[in-house]
Structures are given as C-alpha cells and as structure tokens.
Amino acid sequence: MDEQGILQRIHSLVDEERELREKAETSPPGPEHTPDRVRLERLEQDLDQCWDLLRQRRAKRQYGENPNEAKPRPVKQVEDYNG
C-alpha cells in the first residue's frame, strides 16, 4: 500500500472511530466488551499500525531506501512503541 492508500485508510478508520465514540457518548453505560467497544479497540490497533507503516515508509524514503520494503508490524510491537 502506498502513502496515499495508507492515509485514506487512516481517514476511514478515524471517521469510523469518531462515529462509534459519538454513539458511545449518547448510549447508556453497558458491559465493557460490547461489539462497539471491541470494534473501537480494534480500530485503535489498526490506526497504530497504519501510522507506524506510514512512518516507516517516510523514514525509508528519507534515507534513500525503498519505501515499498516497509511492512506492517504486529499490533503488540507497535503498541509497545506507542505506549
């Protein structure tokens, strides 16, 4: 996926995240593992991976490497970087 594709994916995920958060604000409190909350957690993980991939691509380009060699990293690895 090229940078434009990654950015489009990020925008799509952010839009969905915003919708789910707005929905959660207007809904009564419920169990922690509702489908919406599970989806929000997955969206956050997907966003972390997308941002990480974008940073990898930009760093590779900056240092004269092929940005297409950047690969998505596992969620756990990316979360450890962002935590």
C-alpha atoms as a PDB file:
ATOM      1  CA  MET A   1       0.000   0.000   0.000  1.00  0.00           C
ATOM      2  CA  ASP A   2       1.409   3.422  -0.921  1.00  0.00           C
ATOM      3  CA  GLU A   3       1.281   6.504   1.308  1.00  0.00           C
ATOM      4  CA  GLN A   4      -1.902   7.805  -0.296  1.00  0.00           C
ATOM      5  CA  GLY A   5      -3.601   4.469   0.354  1.00  0.00           C
ATOM      6  CA  ILE A   6      -2.383   4.454   3.956  1.00  0.00           C
ATOM      7  CA  LEU A   7      -3.669   7.995   4.500  1.00  0.00           C
ATOM      8  CA  GLN A   8      -7.038   7.095   3.005  1.00  0.00           C
ATOM      9  CA  ARG A   9      -7.213   4.088   5.326  1.00  0.00           C
ATOM     10  CA  ILE A  10      -6.326   6.297   8.312  1.00  0.00           C
ATOM     11  CA  HIS A  11      -9.076   8.785   7.416  1.00  0.00           C
ATOM     12  CA  SER A  12     -11.590   5.973   7.043  1.00  0.00           C
ATOM     13  CA  LEU A  13     -10.634   4.458  10.402  1.00  0.00           C
ATOM     14  CA  VAL A  14     -10.749   7.861  12.121  1.00  0.00           C
ATOM     15  CA  ASP A  15     -14.225   8.523  10.707  1.00  0.00           C
ATOM     16  CA  GLU A  16     -15.474   5.169  11.958  1.00  0.00           C
ATOM     17  CA  GLU A  17     -13.825   5.712  15.341  1.00  0.00           C
ATOM     18  CA  ARG A  18     -15.469   9.125  15.664  1.00  0.00           C
ATOM     19  CA  GLU A  19     -18.891   7.665  14.857  1.00  0.00           C
ATOM     20  CA  LEU A  20     -18.508   4.897  17.432  1.00  0.00           C
ATOM     21  CA  ARG A  21     -17.297   7.323  20.117  1.00  0.00           C
ATOM     22  CA  GLU A  22     -20.223   9.669  19.456  1.00  0.00           C
ATOM     23  CA  LYS A  23     -22.592   6.721  19.649  1.00  0.00           C
ATOM     24  CA  ALA A  24     -20.994   5.620  22.936  1.00  0.00           C
ATOM     25  CA  GLU A  25     -21.446   9.103  24.411  1.00  0.00           C
ATOM     26  CA  THR A  26     -25.187   9.010  23.801  1.00  0.00           C
ATOM     27  CA  SER A  27     -25.704   5.394  24.871  1.00  0.00           C
ATOM     28  CA  PRO A  28     -26.251   4.272  28.447  1.00  0.00           C
ATOM     29  CA  PRO A  29     -23.258   2.577  30.098  1.00  0.00           C
ATOM     30  CA  GLY A  30     -23.070  -1.125  29.421  1.00  0.00           C
ATOM     31  CA  PRO A  31     -20.716  -4.062  29.607  1.00  0.00           C
ATOM     32  CA  GLU A  32     -17.100  -3.390  28.698  1.00  0.00           C
ATOM     33  CA  HIS A  33     -16.987  -5.903  25.847  1.00  0.00           C
ATOM     34  CA  THR A  34     -19.876  -4.792  23.684  1.00  0.00           C
ATOM     35  CA  PRO A  35     -19.353  -5.170  19.927  1.00  0.00           C
ATOM     36  CA  ASP A  36     -18.818  -1.393  19.612  1.00  0.00           C
ATOM     37  CA  ARG A  37     -16.155  -1.335  22.324  1.00  0.00           C
ATOM     38  CA  VAL A  38     -14.409  -4.331  20.817  1.00  0.00           C
ATOM     39  CA  ARG A  39     -14.512  -2.604  17.424  1.00  0.00           C
ATOM     40  CA  LEU A  40     -13.111   0.614  18.942  1.00  0.00           C
ATOM     41  CA  GLU A  41     -10.191  -1.314  20.387  1.00  0.00           C
ATOM     42  CA  ARG A  42      -9.512  -2.902  17.003  1.00  0.00           C
ATOM     43  CA  LEU A  43      -9.759   0.493  15.282  1.00  0.00           C
ATOM     44  CA  GLU A  44      -7.148   1.894  17.672  1.00  0.00           C
ATOM     45  CA  GLN A  45      -4.851  -1.027  16.890  1.00  0.00           C
ATOM     46  CA  ASP A  46      -5.366  -0.626  13.129  1.00  0.00           C
ATOM     47  CA  LEU A  47      -4.647   3.102  13.397  1.00  0.00           C
ATOM     48  CA  ASP A  48      -1.441   2.447  15.339  1.00  0.00           C
ATOM     49  CA  GLN A  49      -0.316   0.021  12.628  1.00  0.00           C
ATOM     50  CA  CYS A  50      -1.185   2.441   9.815  1.00  0.00           C
ATOM     51  CA  TRP A  51       0.669   5.347  11.439  1.00  0.00           C
ATOM     52  CA  ASP A  52       3.658   3.082  12.087  1.00  0.00           C
ATOM     53  CA  LEU A  53       3.698   1.906   8.471  1.00  0.00           C
ATOM     54  CA  LEU A  54       3.484   5.492   7.246  1.00  0.00           C
ATOM     55  CA  ARG A  55       6.411   6.492   9.494  1.00  0.00           C
ATOM     56  CA  GLN A  56       8.426   3.510   8.228  1.00  0.00           C
ATOM     57  CA  ARG A  57       7.807   4.453   4.600  1.00  0.00           C
ATOM     58  CA  ARG A  58       8.776   8.085   5.189  1.00  0.00           C
ATOM     59  CA  ALA A  59      11.937   7.106   7.071  1.00  0.00           C
ATOM     60  CA  LYS A  60      12.986   4.717   4.312  1.00  0.00           C
ATOM     61  CA  ARG A  61      12.459   7.406   1.672  1.00  0.00           C
ATOM     62  CA  GLN A  62      14.372   9.950   3.772  1.00  0.00           C
ATOM     63  CA  TYR A  63      17.375   7.642   3.995  1.00  0.00           C
ATOM     64  CA  GLY A  64      17.368   6.638   0.330  1.00  0.00           C
ATOM     65  CA  GLU A  65      15.790   3.224   0.866  1.00  0.00           C
ATOM     66  CA  ASN A  66      12.810   1.747  -0.948  1.00  0.00           C
ATOM     67  CA  PRO A  67       9.610   2.715   0.946  1.00  0.00           C
ATOM     68  CA  ASN A  68       7.854  -0.302  -0.577  1.00  0.00           C
ATOM     69  CA  GLU A  69      10.001  -2.502   1.667  1.00  0.00           C
ATOM     70  CA  ALA A  70       8.158  -1.190   4.741  1.00  0.00           C
ATOM     71  CA  LYS A  71       5.892  -3.847   6.212  1.00  0.00           C
ATOM     72  CA  PRO A  72       3.098  -3.669   8.792  1.00  0.00           C
ATOM     73  CA  ARG A  73       4.366  -4.757  12.179  1.00  0.00           C
ATOM     74  CA  PRO A  74       2.416  -6.851  14.695  1.00  0.00           C
ATOM     75  CA  VAL A  75      -0.019  -4.967  16.931  1.00  0.00           C
ATOM     76  CA  LYS A  76       1.908  -5.872  20.090  1.00  0.00           C
ATOM     77  CA  GLN A  77       5.146  -4.488  18.678  1.00  0.00           C
ATOM     78  CA  VAL A  78       3.519  -1.244  17.516  1.00  0.00           C
ATOM     79  CA  GLU A  79       1.675  -0.768  20.827  1.00  0.00           C
ATOM     80  CA  ASP A  80       4.972  -1.174  22.699  1.00  0.00           C
ATOM     81  CA  TYR A  81       6.424   1.671  20.589  1.00  0.00           C
ATOM     82  CA  ASN A  82       3.421   3.923  21.162  1.00  0.00           C
ATOM     83  CA  GLY A  83       2.955   3.162  24.852  1.00  0.00           C
END
